[in-house]
Structure formats: structure tokens, C-alpha cells
Amino acid sequence: MDLEDSALGLTQEQTDKILQFQDLTGIEDMSICRDVLQRQQWDLEVAIQEQLNIREGRPSVFATEARAPPVVHDYIAQQVFTDEPPEGPGGVRGLMRYVVNLVVSMCYSTITSVLNLLLSFIRNDDRRLVTDPLGDVVGFINNYTSKYSPHPVFYQGTYAQALNDAKKELLFLIVYLHSDSASETQNFCRTTLADPEVIAYMNTHALFWGCSVETAEGWRVAQSVGGRRYPLLCVVCVREHRMTVVARSEGACSPQQLLQRLQRVVADNQLHLVAARADRVEREVTARLRASQDEAYAESLAQDQEKERRRAADRAARLQREHEDSRRREQEQHRQQQVLDMRVATAARLPPEPSEGPKTVVLLIRLPGGERLTRRFAHDHTTQDLYDFVFSHPQSPEEFEITTNFPKRTLVAGKSNLVEVGLKDRDVLFVNDVNA
């Protein structure tokens, strides 16, 4: 089990749940137990409850579809069981007789179907109008239970629901068609269907659906399976992805005969269900892998989109910064041009430098950058003339103040002349940048 579990990718906890589920339900096939638990997300309690619902004959959550899946009748591969003794010798003649009987049976079924269709246009048969299929089934089960007991657990749903459940659950479906008018019916119900071994085998290996051919639902199913003798049992299962009638037992038979027939049919068709389960598991794994890949792709796409969004935001921010820097440079260039124009205009309106004389002073002016300026001013020149001279120099600050050295005091630009503010010849003045 350990190597097999490892190959199937099962954990120890999942293996324990499979064993518990098998012990509680009595299902021998481990793959069925695994599939049921996987479908229920390994919830042991829910899986057991679902199995009990099926055993009690109640439709599962898969049986909600009103329309039945199409059923294939493979008359060549279909096993037909009757209690009639074989006629004639065996060998080649027996084989030829079997082939002839098979062809006759197929022709009979085809002709019967055509005649029933033609007769349906001529006569009115109330059984053709299926108005309450569930009521027909439930009424038959109640009537059967009151007459015959014990019996296998009947599926308490319509034929369409039973087919859907069997297809989704990948189980065998045994269809029982009951006719009170058939002479063999009572003995078959009291002995064969009441046999404990038959009941245990049916309840364990298949869904069991039954109805009376006297009801609309039972008659419709009887027309579809093409039975000729009653009581009639049909075995339906998934074969090559289609619901197929794989066997038909017509007439009464002993419990041992029925059990052997069912065991043979199950053994012959079990591989088809195993293949269907493996295919379903593969599809589920592929779907989960695809979903995982889609999720990884979506996550990668989201990451790429986020990266692209960030790159776009960075580009927008960079362009915004470049635009702002360009605008600031333009403003700075415009301002510097304005300052340059102001210096030129200021230099143009300066009074001319006077000649040396008793009413003049020579002032030594030191700029913040270390440059030294020397200029002669007349006594009647104002401090504003002094400020204009300094401002007109290209190396002077845009905003400044002029101070004396000792005693240190600030000269205010205005209309006061240089003598009034106490400036003398050869005084040294300092230009201070007020924005430094």
C-alpha cells in the first residue's frame, strides 16, 4: 500500500480516510473510495453521508438534471440472459443459430419500435404521457414494499436522475421493470430479489432502479430498452464515455443464476469503469494543473502589469521633473536676463565720474567675491549713486548692503550726499550679499 499510495500521490492521512471509508461503507473497490473522497475534498463525514443517501435510494446532488443522458444499445456486445434451454446442437451449427437468433432479435426490436411508433399515431395510450415520473416511481416502490420484502434498496428518483447519478458516480445501474401480469413476476420477487446475497451484492455494487410497466414512466423505459419478457433486468454503465446497456436478463431466474449473471457482467465491464475513473482523475488533474498554470500566469501578468505601471509612473515623474527643471531654468534665465538688463540700464543712468579736485573723494569698494572697485565721486553724489555704481558691476550681488569698516555702519541708499553720510577720501567700503 505504501508504494501504491506514493504512486497515487496520497498522504498517510488520506490513506487512513480511505480505509475508514471502506470499513464504514463496505465498498471493496479502493478506487471508488478514493474517487468519492476526492470529490468531497477528503471530508470523510460528508462522503459517508452521501454514500448513505445513495444506499437509501435518494438522488445525490448530481441527479438534478431533468433530462437523461442518451443510452446506447449495443446489441452485438450486449449480454442477454434467459432461463430458456438452448436449442439444437452446438459447434458450427450452434454458432450459426446464435447469429441467426441475434439478427432476428435485432430485427424484432427494430420492427417493434417502428410498429409502436406507428401505432402511437393511431391509438391513444395514456402511458405515453409521462406527467409525473417521480410519482410513478415512488408509487411503485411503496406498492412493491407492501407486497414483497426484503428487497434491494430502490433508487427513489426518476430514470433520468438514476442515469445521471450512475454516470456521475461511475456506478453500475440495474434497471428492474416489473409487470404484475407476467406469470413469473411473483416468484421472482419473493425468492430471487429477496435473497440476502442478491440484495447485498446489488446494494454494494450498483444503483437499483425499478418501476412498473403499467405506469407511464415504466412503460417509457421499457420501450427504450426493448425487453420482451418480464420480469426484466437491465444493467447500464459508462462504456467509452456513453451510458450503455451492457446486459439484459429476461424472465425469472434463481438467486444463484442472477448473482452469477451480475458478477459476470460486473467483471466484464469493470475495466470500462476503471478506465473512466482514471480518465476522470486525469481530467481533474489536468484541470487543476491548467487552473494552477492560469493562476500563475495571471499572477505573473499582474506582476508585469504592476511593473509596467511603476515604470510608466517613473517615466511620468521623470518627465514631470524634467519639465519643472526646464521651466525653472527658463525662469532663471529670464530673471538673469532681467538683472542684466537692469545692470545695463543702471550703468547708463550713472552720472559721469568727475575729475580729481578738492570736492571729490576716491572710494575703495570690496565685493563679496574679493573683487576690488575704485571710483571717484563728487561730494554732491548721493548714496543712491554709490549703490547704482556697485549694482552695475557684473560681479556684484543682486541684493546687497554697503557698510563702512570702522566704525562699522551701514549706508542706506537714498538722496543723502556722500559728505552728509561722513565719507572721506580713500575710505574703504564693503559690499555684503544679503541673500548669502
Foldseek 3Di string as FASTA:
>chain_A
DVVVCVVVVHDPVLVVLLVVLCVLLVAPDSLLSSVLCVVVVNPSVVSNVQLVCLQLQEFHPQLPDPAAFDEAEDLVQAAEAEPDDDDDDDDPVNVVVVVVVSVVLVVVLVVVLVVVVVVVVVDPDPLQDCDDQLVQQVVQVVVLVVQADDFANANNGAPRSQNRRCLVSQAKEKEWEAEPPAPQRVVQRHFQRRDPVLNVVDSRGHHYHYGYCVHSRSVVVCSVNRDDAPRKIWIWGQAPNHIYGRYMYHGHDGNVVVVVVVVVSCVVCVVRSVVVSVVVVVVVVVVVVVVVVVVVVVVVVVVVVVVVVVVVVVVVVVVVVVVVVVVVVVVVVVVVVVLLVVLVVLVVPQDDADDDDPQKAWEWEAAPVGDIDIGIDGQQAFVLSVVSVQSSDPPHAVDWWKWFDVVTDTDDGDRHGPVVVPDHHHTYMYIGHPVD
